[in-house]
């Protein structure tokens, strides 16, 4: 008898068509999941941004407890913080420099202390290149150090090509004081004869040589902006072509560290809006108020409500929670 041996011809692996189908399915799943992943990441970045502002608000509160006033905002954009001149009218640097000791950055604040003018200039150049992550929003994709404008040479520091910048700005209110670069020298600034710009109409918390006290915030600490995110031209994240993003965060009063409420907050776009608050977040930008609470302010906020929240004593208190 002849026995026939039959052999199974089963397949191993996939056909090209089956492989393409699997790849297509994976592609569809990735397309569906990617927005959710991006949303989750942005949510985490927003939480970090809120925490940054919370820490900034706590530093202001600590400064207030120590001095009974908010820090000054310095002399002008041509000046950098000086470790030997306190945090009031004599301090040429802005609010960020003045709150460093209250953010566990005392060593950074003391750079150059007690040195002769030439050595101090070198030390303050090092300061300008010193980053502090609390002053950077993680949603704005920029390098740690960014280009500084060559035309703006600090009076009390050596100019440096790369500087640390900030994504947050203090509230100067609804009146633009336009204080400029400040005096030519420390001696001139200290002179009783120097004609400082009149800032008596300033309505915010920090401005040139300010020493605002809580008692002057007549509208209430919980109804007044302290510090918020600032608008930056999205095409100039890595340049010095946006006037409000071209200098060190340790400079005196300027659009790099100060914003106003003359316009509602704006989401980052191509246009330069150097006086506006804003951010790269899609829903709005965050503010810490004078009571230390942090809020997300919608880009569609009523312009008048926004203005009132920026004016510390106009008598028009924002009722309820209209933001």
C-alpha atoms as a PDB file:
ATOM      1  CA  UNK A   1       0.000   0.000   0.000  1.00  0.00           C
ATOM      2  CA  UNK A   2       1.293   3.418  -0.873  1.00  0.00           C
ATOM      3  CA  UNK A   3       1.034   5.939   1.917  1.00  0.00           C
ATOM      4  CA  UNK A   4       0.739   9.513   0.803  1.00  0.00           C
ATOM      5  CA  UNK A   5       2.578  12.010   3.007  1.00  0.00           C
ATOM      6  CA  UNK A   6       0.778  15.349   3.048  1.00  0.00           C
ATOM      7  CA  UNK A   7       2.718  18.446   4.196  1.00  0.00           C
ATOM      8  CA  UNK A   8       1.025  21.480   5.838  1.00  0.00           C
ATOM      9  CA  UNK A   9       1.828  24.637   3.973  1.00  0.00           C
ATOM     10  CA  UNK A  10       0.869  27.136   6.726  1.00  0.00           C
ATOM     11  CA  UNK A  11       2.259  30.723   6.431  1.00  0.00           C
ATOM     12  CA  UNK A  12       4.735  32.498   8.664  1.00  0.00           C
ATOM     13  CA  UNK A  13       4.579  36.339   8.953  1.00  0.00           C
ATOM     14  CA  UNK A  14       2.378  38.975   7.284  1.00  0.00           C
ATOM     15  CA  UNK A  15       1.662  39.862   3.730  1.00  0.00           C
ATOM     16  CA  UNK A  16       2.530  43.340   2.513  1.00  0.00           C
ATOM     17  CA  UNK A  17      -1.154  44.298   2.508  1.00  0.00           C
ATOM     18  CA  UNK A  18      -1.621  43.178   6.102  1.00  0.00           C
ATOM     19  CA  UNK A  19       1.494  45.068   7.177  1.00  0.00           C
ATOM     20  CA  UNK A  20       0.254  48.241   5.511  1.00  0.00           C
ATOM     21  CA  UNK A  21      -3.118  47.870   7.239  1.00  0.00           C
ATOM     22  CA  UNK A  22      -1.404  47.524  10.637  1.00  0.00           C
ATOM     23  CA  UNK A  23       0.770  50.588   9.949  1.00  0.00           C
ATOM     24  CA  UNK A  24      -2.310  52.561   8.922  1.00  0.00           C
ATOM     25  CA  UNK A  25      -4.141  51.577  12.125  1.00  0.00           C
ATOM     26  CA  UNK A  26      -1.141  52.568  14.245  1.00  0.00           C
ATOM     27  CA  UNK A  27      -1.009  55.905  12.416  1.00  0.00           C
ATOM     28  CA  UNK A  28      -4.678  56.569  13.111  1.00  0.00           C
ATOM     29  CA  UNK A  29      -4.239  55.701  16.798  1.00  0.00           C
ATOM     30  CA  UNK A  30      -1.240  58.024  17.083  1.00  0.00           C
ATOM     31  CA  UNK A  31      -3.214  60.823  15.399  1.00  0.00           C
ATOM     32  CA  UNK A  32      -6.035  60.303  17.892  1.00  0.00           C
ATOM     33  CA  UNK A  33      -3.765  60.110  20.926  1.00  0.00           C
ATOM     34  CA  UNK A  34      -1.323  62.922  20.067  1.00  0.00           C
ATOM     35  CA  UNK A  35      -3.695  65.828  20.862  1.00  0.00           C
ATOM     36  CA  UNK A  36      -4.517  64.230  24.207  1.00  0.00           C
ATOM     37  CA  UNK A  37      -0.821  63.790  25.001  1.00  0.00           C
ATOM     38  CA  UNK A  38      -0.060  67.371  23.964  1.00  0.00           C
ATOM     39  CA  UNK A  39      -2.982  68.639  26.029  1.00  0.00           C
ATOM     40  CA  UNK A  40      -1.725  66.741  29.079  1.00  0.00           C
ATOM     41  CA  UNK A  41       1.764  68.144  28.624  1.00  0.00           C
ATOM     42  CA  UNK A  42       0.446  71.680  28.250  1.00  0.00           C
ATOM     43  CA  UNK A  43      -1.691  71.159  31.344  1.00  0.00           C
ATOM     44  CA  UNK A  44       1.436  70.207  33.291  1.00  0.00           C
ATOM     45  CA  UNK A  45       3.283  73.243  31.929  1.00  0.00           C
ATOM     46  CA  UNK A  46       0.415  75.505  32.946  1.00  0.00           C
ATOM     47  CA  UNK A  47       0.515  74.108  36.474  1.00  0.00           C
ATOM     48  CA  UNK A  48       4.248  74.851  36.601  1.00  0.00           C
ATOM     49  CA  UNK A  49       3.622  78.382  35.325  1.00  0.00           C
ATOM     50  CA  UNK A  50       0.997  78.913  38.032  1.00  0.00           C
ATOM     51  CA  UNK A  51       3.454  77.636  40.621  1.00  0.00           C
ATOM     52  CA  UNK A  52       6.111  80.065  39.356  1.00  0.00           C
ATOM     53  CA  UNK A  53       3.759  82.974  39.910  1.00  0.00           C
ATOM     54  CA  UNK A  54       2.794  81.613  43.310  1.00  0.00           C
ATOM     55  CA  UNK A  55       6.472  81.599  44.299  1.00  0.00           C
ATOM     56  CA  UNK A  56       6.909  85.134  42.980  1.00  0.00           C
ATOM     57  CA  UNK A  57       3.886  86.261  44.992  1.00  0.00           C
ATOM     58  CA  UNK A  58       5.313  84.673  48.145  1.00  0.00           C
ATOM     59  CA  UNK A  59       8.628  86.468  47.558  1.00  0.00           C
ATOM     60  CA  UNK A  60       6.778  89.796  47.314  1.00  0.00           C
ATOM     61  CA  UNK A  61       4.978  88.975  50.569  1.00  0.00           C
ATOM     62  CA  UNK A  62       8.283  88.186  52.295  1.00  0.00           C
ATOM     63  CA  UNK A  63       9.789  91.424  51.006  1.00  0.00           C
ATOM     64  CA  UNK A  64       6.714  93.252  52.254  1.00  0.00           C
ATOM     65  CA  UNK A  65       7.051  91.671  55.698  1.00  0.00           C
ATOM     66  CA  UNK A  66      10.714  92.697  55.882  1.00  0.00           C
ATOM     67  CA  UNK A  67      10.387  96.262  54.579  1.00  0.00           C
ATOM     68  CA  UNK A  68       6.661  97.128  54.919  1.00  0.00           C
ATOM     69  CA  UNK A  69       6.560  98.072  51.232  1.00  0.00           C
ATOM     70  CA  UNK A  70       6.777  96.519  47.805  1.00  0.00           C
ATOM     71  CA  UNK A  71      10.149  96.669  46.007  1.00  0.00           C
ATOM     72  CA  UNK A  72      10.983  99.531  43.733  1.00  0.00           C
ATOM     73  CA  UNK A  73      11.277  98.896  40.014  1.00  0.00           C
ATOM     74  CA  UNK A  74      14.620 100.602  39.603  1.00  0.00           C
ATOM     75  CA  UNK A  75      15.910 103.541  37.615  1.00  0.00           C
ATOM     76  CA  UNK A  76      15.510 102.549  33.982  1.00  0.00           C
ATOM     77  CA  UNK A  77      16.435 100.053  31.280  1.00  0.00           C
ATOM     78  CA  UNK A  78      20.107 101.111  31.212  1.00  0.00           C
ATOM     79  CA  UNK A  79      20.679  99.904  34.763  1.00  0.00           C
ATOM     80  CA  UNK A  80      21.256  96.524  36.406  1.00  0.00           C
ATOM     81  CA  UNK A  81      20.632  95.632  40.039  1.00  0.00           C
ATOM     82  CA  UNK A  82      23.324  96.708  42.508  1.00  0.00           C
ATOM     83  CA  UNK A  83      23.922  94.538  45.625  1.00  0.00           C
ATOM     84  CA  UNK A  84      24.985  97.504  47.758  1.00  0.00           C
ATOM     85  CA  UNK A  85      21.929  99.733  47.284  1.00  0.00           C
ATOM     86  CA  UNK A  86      18.964  98.074  48.985  1.00  0.00           C
ATOM     87  CA  UNK A  87      15.522  97.623  47.376  1.00  0.00           C
ATOM     88  CA  UNK A  88      14.057 101.145  47.517  1.00  0.00           C
ATOM     89  CA  UNK A  89      14.567 104.395  45.632  1.00  0.00           C
ATOM     90  CA  UNK A  90      18.357 104.039  45.567  1.00  0.00           C
ATOM     91  CA  UNK A  91      18.238 100.630  43.839  1.00  0.00           C
ATOM     92  CA  UNK A  92      18.827 100.968  40.056  1.00  0.00           C
ATOM     93  CA  UNK A  93      17.745  97.376  39.344  1.00  0.00           C
ATOM     94  CA  UNK A  94      14.136  96.262  38.998  1.00  0.00           C
ATOM     95  CA  UNK A  95      11.703  94.176  41.027  1.00  0.00           C
ATOM     96  CA  UNK A  96      13.152  90.808  40.020  1.00  0.00           C
ATOM     97  CA  UNK A  97      16.552  91.734  41.367  1.00  0.00           C
ATOM     98  CA  UNK A  98      15.057  93.010  44.620  1.00  0.00           C
ATOM     99  CA  UNK A  99      13.118  89.827  45.448  1.00  0.00           C
ATOM    100  CA  UNK A 100      16.005  87.419  44.783  1.00  0.00           C
ATOM    101  CA  UNK A 101      16.908  87.081  48.501  1.00  0.00           C
ATOM    102  CA  UNK A 102      13.323  85.974  49.185  1.00  0.00           C
ATOM    103  CA  UNK A 103      13.532  83.218  46.569  1.00  0.00           C
ATOM    104  CA  UNK A 104      16.576  81.443  48.015  1.00  0.00           C
ATOM    105  CA  UNK A 105      18.801  83.366  45.589  1.00  0.00           C
ATOM    106  CA  UNK A 106      20.796  85.455  48.080  1.00  0.00           C
ATOM    107  CA  UNK A 107      24.127  84.375  46.588  1.00  0.00           C
ATOM    108  CA  UNK A 108      23.007  85.632  43.183  1.00  0.00           C
ATOM    109  CA  UNK A 109      21.817  88.907  44.710  1.00  0.00           C
ATOM    110  CA  UNK A 110      25.194  89.450  46.397  1.00  0.00           C
ATOM    111  CA  UNK A 111      27.277  89.109  43.219  1.00  0.00           C
ATOM    112  CA  UNK A 112      29.676  92.066  43.125  1.00  0.00           C
ATOM    113  CA  UNK A 113      28.942  93.236  46.654  1.00  0.00           C
ATOM    114  CA  UNK A 114      31.675  95.500  48.038  1.00  0.00           C
ATOM    115  CA  UNK A 115      33.813  95.411  44.904  1.00  0.00           C
ATOM    116  CA  UNK A 116      35.348  98.417  43.183  1.00  0.00           C
ATOM    117  CA  UNK A 117      33.343  99.748  40.182  1.00  0.00           C
ATOM    118  CA  UNK A 118      35.335  97.919  37.503  1.00  0.00           C
ATOM    119  CA  UNK A 119      35.197  94.552  39.269  1.00  0.00           C
ATOM    120  CA  UNK A 120      31.523  95.073  40.089  1.00  0.00           C
ATOM    121  CA  UNK A 121      30.771  95.655  36.401  1.00  0.00           C
ATOM    122  CA  UNK A 122      32.272  92.276  35.606  1.00  0.00           C
ATOM    123  CA  UNK A 123      30.314  90.597  38.387  1.00  0.00           C
ATOM    124  CA  UNK A 124      27.043  92.170  37.243  1.00  0.00           C
ATOM    125  CA  UNK A 125      27.717  90.865  33.748  1.00  0.00           C
ATOM    126  CA  UNK A 126      27.836  87.406  35.309  1.00  0.00           C
ATOM    127  CA  UNK A 127      24.551  88.219  37.033  1.00  0.00           C
ATOM    128  CA  UNK A 128      22.903  89.060  33.706  1.00  0.00           C
ATOM    129  CA  UNK A 129      23.764  85.563  32.476  1.00  0.00           C
ATOM    130  CA  UNK A 130      22.398  83.817  35.571  1.00  0.00           C
ATOM    131  CA  UNK A 131      19.123  82.013  34.951  1.00  0.00           C
ATOM    132  CA  UNK A 132      16.419  81.308  37.527  1.00  0.00           C
ATOM    133  CA  UNK A 133      13.816  78.837  36.287  1.00  0.00           C
ATOM    134  CA  UNK A 134      11.036  80.424  38.364  1.00  0.00           C
ATOM    135  CA  UNK A 135      11.023  83.402  36.004  1.00  0.00           C
ATOM    136  CA  UNK A 136      10.501  81.288  32.868  1.00  0.00           C
ATOM    137  CA  UNK A 137       7.188  79.902  31.631  1.00  0.00           C
ATOM    138  CA  UNK A 138       7.764  76.281  30.500  1.00  0.00           C
ATOM    139  CA  UNK A 139       5.200  76.669  27.695  1.00  0.00           C
ATOM    140  CA  UNK A 140       7.289  79.288  25.914  1.00  0.00           C
ATOM    141  CA  UNK A 141       9.982  77.307  24.143  1.00  0.00           C
ATOM    142  CA  UNK A 142      13.084  79.474  24.465  1.00  0.00           C
ATOM    143  CA  UNK A 143      16.708  78.843  25.323  1.00  0.00           C
ATOM    144  CA  UNK A 144      17.998  79.503  28.827  1.00  0.00           C
ATOM    145  CA  UNK A 145      20.160  82.366  27.580  1.00  0.00           C
ATOM    146  CA  UNK A 146      18.985  84.641  24.782  1.00  0.00           C
ATOM    147  CA  UNK A 147      20.469  87.465  22.678  1.00  0.00           C
ATOM    148  CA  UNK A 148      20.585  90.971  24.150  1.00  0.00           C
ATOM    149  CA  UNK A 149      20.345  94.134  22.092  1.00  0.00           C
ATOM    150  CA  UNK A 150      23.843  95.539  21.358  1.00  0.00           C
ATOM    151  CA  UNK A 151      22.554  99.124  21.328  1.00  0.00           C
ATOM    152  CA  UNK A 152      21.566  98.941  25.001  1.00  0.00           C
ATOM    153  CA  UNK A 153      24.737  98.934  27.108  1.00  0.00           C
ATOM    154  CA  UNK A 154      24.162  98.872  30.885  1.00  0.00           C
ATOM    155  CA  UNK A 155      25.599 101.824  32.798  1.00  0.00           C
ATOM    156  CA  UNK A 156      26.814  99.670  35.692  1.00  0.00           C
ATOM    157  CA  UNK A 157      27.679  96.361  33.982  1.00  0.00           C
ATOM    158  CA  UNK A 158      29.645  95.102  31.004  1.00  0.00           C
ATOM    159  CA  UNK A 159      27.417  94.307  28.028  1.00  0.00           C
ATOM    160  CA  UNK A 160      27.111  90.618  27.289  1.00  0.00           C
ATOM    161  CA  UNK A 161      25.798  88.957  24.143  1.00  0.00           C
ATOM    162  CA  UNK A 162      23.592  86.407  25.920  1.00  0.00           C
ATOM    163  CA  UNK A 163      21.402  87.182  28.936  1.00  0.00           C
ATOM    164  CA  UNK A 164      18.747  85.590  31.123  1.00  0.00           C
ATOM    165  CA  UNK A 165      15.257  86.876  30.276  1.00  0.00           C
ATOM    166  CA  UNK A 166      11.913  86.609  32.023  1.00  0.00           C
ATOM    167  CA  UNK A 167       8.415  85.659  30.893  1.00  0.00           C
ATOM    168  CA  UNK A 168       6.753  87.597  33.731  1.00  0.00           C
ATOM    169  CA  UNK A 169       6.193  91.313  34.277  1.00  0.00           C
ATOM    170  CA  UNK A 170       5.071  93.466  37.168  1.00  0.00           C
ATOM    171  CA  UNK A 171       1.902  95.547  36.957  1.00  0.00           C
ATOM    172  CA  UNK A 172       2.495  99.301  36.495  1.00  0.00           C
ATOM    173  CA  UNK A 173      -1.198 100.066  36.102  1.00  0.00           C
ATOM    174  CA  UNK A 174      -3.116 101.976  33.442  1.00  0.00           C
ATOM    175  CA  UNK A 175      -0.864 105.035  33.136  1.00  0.00           C
ATOM    176  CA  UNK A 176       2.332 104.774  31.088  1.00  0.00           C
ATOM    177  CA  UNK A 177       5.032 106.765  32.880  1.00  0.00           C
ATOM    178  CA  UNK A 178       7.554 106.362  30.017  1.00  0.00           C
ATOM    179  CA  UNK A 179      10.541 106.662  32.335  1.00  0.00           C
ATOM    180  CA  UNK A 180      13.253 105.752  29.833  1.00  0.00           C
ATOM    181  CA  UNK A 181      16.862 104.801  30.560  1.00  0.00           C
ATOM    182  CA  UNK A 182      17.464 106.750  33.776  1.00  0.00           C
ATOM    183  CA  UNK A 183      20.438 108.929  34.848  1.00  0.00           C
ATOM    184  CA  UNK A 184      23.901 108.706  33.326  1.00  0.00           C
ATOM    185  CA  UNK A 185      25.721 107.779  36.544  1.00  0.00           C
ATOM    186  CA  UNK A 186      25.035 106.712  40.114  1.00  0.00           C
ATOM    187  CA  UNK A 187      26.271 110.099  41.342  1.00  0.00           C
ATOM    188  CA  UNK A 188      23.833 111.934  39.095  1.00  0.00           C
ATOM    189  CA  UNK A 189      20.995 109.681  40.215  1.00  0.00           C
ATOM    190  CA  UNK A 190      21.862 110.303  43.858  1.00  0.00           C
ATOM    191  CA  UNK A 191      21.997 114.052  43.352  1.00  0.00           C
ATOM    192  CA  UNK A 192      19.074 116.064  44.678  1.00  0.00           C
ATOM    193  CA  UNK A 193      19.248 118.151  41.519  1.00  0.00           C
ATOM    194  CA  UNK A 194      18.487 115.276  39.130  1.00  0.00           C
ATOM    195  CA  UNK A 195      15.072 115.687  37.492  1.00  0.00           C
ATOM    196  CA  UNK A 196      13.390 112.296  37.808  1.00  0.00           C
ATOM    197  CA  UNK A 197      10.335 111.637  35.668  1.00  0.00           C
ATOM    198  CA  UNK A 198       7.080 112.452  37.470  1.00  0.00           C
ATOM    199  CA  UNK A 199       5.474 109.131  38.401  1.00  0.00           C
ATOM    200  CA  UNK A 200       2.738 110.508  40.649  1.00  0.00           C
ATOM    201  CA  UNK A 201       0.072 109.282  38.191  1.00  0.00           C
ATOM    202  CA  UNK A 202       1.331 105.684  38.197  1.00  0.00           C
ATOM    203  CA  UNK A 203      -1.455 103.361  39.323  1.00  0.00           C
ATOM    204  CA  UNK A 204       0.221  99.974  39.598  1.00  0.00           C
ATOM    205  CA  UNK A 205       2.425  98.256  42.167  1.00  0.00           C
ATOM    206  CA  UNK A 206       5.990  98.826  40.925  1.00  0.00           C
ATOM    207  CA  UNK A 207       7.360 101.674  38.818  1.00  0.00           C
ATOM    208  CA  UNK A 208      10.429 103.912  38.730  1.00  0.00           C
ATOM    209  CA  UNK A 209      11.720 104.462  42.303  1.00  0.00           C
ATOM    210  CA  UNK A 210       8.357 103.376  43.735  1.00  0.00           C
ATOM    211  CA  UNK A 211       7.776 102.446  47.350  1.00  0.00           C
ATOM    212  CA  UNK A 212       4.145 101.359  47.301  1.00  0.00           C
ATOM    213  CA  UNK A 213       2.604 100.197  50.574  1.00  0.00           C
ATOM    214  CA  UNK A 214      -0.450  97.957  50.996  1.00  0.00           C
ATOM    215  CA  UNK A 215      -2.415 100.870  52.468  1.00  0.00           C
ATOM    216  CA  UNK A 216      -2.321 102.582  49.053  1.00  0.00           C
ATOM    217  CA  UNK A 217      -3.996  99.588  47.372  1.00  0.00           C
ATOM    218  CA  UNK A 218      -7.424 100.982  48.101  1.00  0.00           C
ATOM    219  CA  UNK A 219      -9.251  98.589  45.780  1.00  0.00           C
ATOM    220  CA  UNK A 220      -8.111  95.582  47.821  1.00  0.00           C
ATOM    221  CA  UNK A 221      -5.255  93.100  47.589  1.00  0.00           C
ATOM    222  CA  UNK A 222      -7.562  90.430  46.152  1.00  0.00           C
ATOM    223  CA  UNK A 223      -8.721  92.783  43.378  1.00  0.00           C
ATOM    224  CA  UNK A 224      -5.365  94.093  42.139  1.00  0.00           C
ATOM    225  CA  UNK A 225      -2.811  92.531  39.793  1.00  0.00           C
ATOM    226  CA  UNK A 226       0.720  92.102  41.106  1.00  0.00           C
ATOM    227  CA  UNK A 227       2.656  90.170  38.442  1.00  0.00           C
ATOM    228  CA  UNK A 228       1.474  88.461  35.268  1.00  0.00           C
ATOM    229  CA  UNK A 229       2.709  86.693  32.179  1.00  0.00           C
ATOM    230  CA  UNK A 230       3.826  89.010  29.404  1.00  0.00           C
ATOM    231  CA  UNK A 231       3.148  88.930  25.681  1.00  0.00           C
ATOM    232  CA  UNK A 232       6.143  88.145  23.443  1.00  0.00           C
ATOM    233  CA  UNK A 233       6.247  88.103  19.656  1.00  0.00           C
ATOM    234  CA  UNK A 234       6.328  84.404  18.746  1.00  0.00           C
ATOM    235  CA  UNK A 235       8.678  85.011  15.803  1.00  0.00           C
ATOM    236  CA  UNK A 236      11.155  86.722  18.136  1.00  0.00           C
ATOM    237  CA  UNK A 237      11.480  84.155  20.916  1.00  0.00           C
ATOM    238  CA  UNK A 238      15.137  83.634  20.049  1.00  0.00           C
ATOM    239  CA  UNK A 239      16.046  87.212  19.019  1.00  0.00           C
ATOM    240  CA  UNK A 240      16.298  90.693  20.543  1.00  0.00           C
ATOM    241  CA  UNK A 241      13.869  92.233  18.029  1.00  0.00           C
ATOM    242  CA  UNK A 242      10.906  92.351  20.417  1.00  0.00           C
ATOM    243  CA  UNK A 243      11.429  95.508  22.513  1.00  0.00           C
ATOM    244  CA  UNK A 244       9.904  93.732  25.497  1.00  0.00           C
ATOM    245  CA  UNK A 245      12.188  90.703  25.203  1.00  0.00           C
ATOM    246  CA  UNK A 246      15.600  92.146  24.421  1.00  0.00           C
ATOM    247  CA  UNK A 247      17.321  92.624  27.787  1.00  0.00           C
ATOM    248  CA  UNK A 248      18.289  90.965  31.032  1.00  0.00           C
ATOM    249  CA  UNK A 249      15.590  90.305  33.612  1.00  0.00           C
ATOM    250  CA  UNK A 250      17.725  92.122  36.208  1.00  0.00           C
ATOM    251  CA  UNK A 251      17.377  95.507  34.517  1.00  0.00           C
ATOM    252  CA  UNK A 252      15.522  98.492  35.919  1.00  0.00           C
ATOM    253  CA  UNK A 253      12.029  99.553  34.872  1.00  0.00           C
ATOM    254  CA  UNK A 254      11.394  98.742  31.221  1.00  0.00           C
ATOM    255  CA  UNK A 255       8.988  96.762  29.042  1.00  0.00           C
ATOM    256  CA  UNK A 256      11.173  93.691  29.669  1.00  0.00           C
ATOM    257  CA  UNK A 257      10.030  93.561  33.308  1.00  0.00           C
ATOM    258  CA  UNK A 258       6.944  95.804  33.324  1.00  0.00           C
ATOM    259  CA  UNK A 259       3.546  95.769  31.614  1.00  0.00           C
ATOM    260  CA  UNK A 260       0.376  97.864  31.658  1.00  0.00           C
ATOM    261  CA  UNK A 261      -3.368  97.226  31.483  1.00  0.00           C
ATOM    262  CA  UNK A 262      -4.118  99.676  28.686  1.00  0.00           C
ATOM    263  CA  UNK A 263      -5.053  96.674  26.507  1.00  0.00           C
ATOM    264  CA  UNK A 264      -6.430  93.228  27.412  1.00  0.00           C
ATOM    265  CA  UNK A 265      -3.901  90.386  27.550  1.00  0.00           C
ATOM    266  CA  UNK A 266      -2.903  89.036  24.145  1.00  0.00           C
ATOM    267  CA  UNK A 267      -1.859  85.545  23.076  1.00  0.00           C
ATOM    268  CA  UNK A 268       1.616  85.402  21.527  1.00  0.00           C
ATOM    269  CA  UNK A 269       1.573  86.025  17.768  1.00  0.00           C
ATOM    270  CA  UNK A 270       3.819  87.617  15.158  1.00  0.00           C
ATOM    271  CA  UNK A 271       2.989  91.173  16.221  1.00  0.00           C
ATOM    272  CA  UNK A 272       5.095  92.933  18.860  1.00  0.00           C
ATOM    273  CA  UNK A 273       2.929  94.032  21.816  1.00  0.00           C
ATOM    274  CA  UNK A 274       5.623  95.180  24.217  1.00  0.00           C
ATOM    275  CA  UNK A 275       3.289  96.867  26.699  1.00  0.00           C
ATOM    276  CA  UNK A 276       0.749  94.040  26.963  1.00  0.00           C
ATOM    277  CA  UNK A 277       0.372  91.147  29.306  1.00  0.00           C
ATOM    278  CA  UNK A 278      -0.193  87.783  27.599  1.00  0.00           C
ATOM    279  CA  UNK A 279       1.263  84.334  27.071  1.00  0.00           C
ATOM    280  CA  UNK A 280       1.603  81.372  24.749  1.00  0.00           C
ATOM    281  CA  UNK A 281      -1.196  79.473  26.553  1.00  0.00           C
ATOM    282  CA  UNK A 282      -4.327  79.022  24.436  1.00  0.00           C
ATOM    283  CA  UNK A 283      -6.924  79.903  27.100  1.00  0.00           C
ATOM    284  CA  UNK A 284      -5.406  83.010  28.690  1.00  0.00           C
ATOM    285  CA  UNK A 285      -2.528  84.183  30.854  1.00  0.00           C
ATOM    286  CA  UNK A 286      -1.871  83.812  34.563  1.00  0.00           C
ATOM    287  CA  UNK A 287      -1.636  86.575  37.146  1.00  0.00           C
ATOM    288  CA  UNK A 288      -0.733  86.544  40.802  1.00  0.00           C
ATOM    289  CA  UNK A 289      -2.745  89.144  42.692  1.00  0.00           C
ATOM    290  CA  UNK A 290      -1.528  91.189  45.630  1.00  0.00           C
ATOM    291  CA  UNK A 291      -3.133  88.742  48.057  1.00  0.00           C
ATOM    292  CA  UNK A 292      -0.988  85.930  46.624  1.00  0.00           C
ATOM    293  CA  UNK A 293      -3.769  84.136  44.733  1.00  0.00           C
ATOM    294  CA  UNK A 294      -3.119  83.036  41.144  1.00  0.00           C
ATOM    295  CA  UNK A 295      -5.782  83.331  38.433  1.00  0.00           C
ATOM    296  CA  UNK A 296      -6.067  82.531  34.741  1.00  0.00           C
ATOM    297  CA  UNK A 297      -7.256  85.660  32.945  1.00  0.00           C
ATOM    298  CA  UNK A 298      -9.112  84.968  29.710  1.00  0.00           C
ATOM    299  CA  UNK A 299      -7.972  86.807  26.580  1.00  0.00           C
ATOM    300  CA  UNK A 300     -11.600  87.832  26.135  1.00  0.00           C
ATOM    301  CA  UNK A 301     -11.803  89.620  29.480  1.00  0.00           C
ATOM    302  CA  UNK A 302     -13.740  92.885  29.387  1.00  0.00           C
ATOM    303  CA  UNK A 303     -11.083  95.597  28.776  1.00  0.00           C
ATOM    304  CA  UNK A 304     -12.558  97.764  31.518  1.00  0.00           C
ATOM    305  CA  UNK A 305     -12.472  94.928  34.043  1.00  0.00           C
ATOM    306  CA  UNK A 306      -8.845  94.255  33.090  1.00  0.00           C
ATOM    307  CA  UNK A 307      -7.989  97.930  33.514  1.00  0.00           C
ATOM    308  CA  UNK A 308      -9.636  98.083  36.923  1.00  0.00           C
ATOM    309  CA  UNK A 309      -7.752  95.010  38.104  1.00  0.00           C
ATOM    310  CA  UNK A 310      -4.523  96.810  37.175  1.00  0.00           C
ATOM    311  CA  UNK A 311      -5.323 100.099  38.909  1.00  0.00           C
ATOM    312  CA  UNK A 312      -4.716  99.853  42.649  1.00  0.00           C
ATOM    313  CA  UNK A 313      -6.818 102.819  43.733  1.00  0.00           C
ATOM    314  CA  UNK A 314      -9.277 104.013  41.089  1.00  0.00           C
ATOM    315  CA  UNK A 315     -12.230 103.275  43.369  1.00  0.00           C
ATOM    316  CA  UNK A 316     -13.837 100.871  40.894  1.00  0.00           C
ATOM    317  CA  UNK A 317     -13.635  97.539  42.651  1.00  0.00           C
ATOM    318  CA  UNK A 318     -14.320  94.510  40.458  1.00  0.00           C
ATOM    319  CA  UNK A 319     -17.288  92.766  42.053  1.00  0.00           C
ATOM    320  CA  UNK A 320     -17.426  89.009  42.495  1.00  0.00           C
ATOM    321  CA  UNK A 321     -15.107  86.987  40.281  1.00  0.00           C
ATOM    322  CA  UNK A 322     -15.582  88.499  36.851  1.00  0.00           C
ATOM    323  CA  UNK A 323     -12.377  87.104  35.467  1.00  0.00           C
END
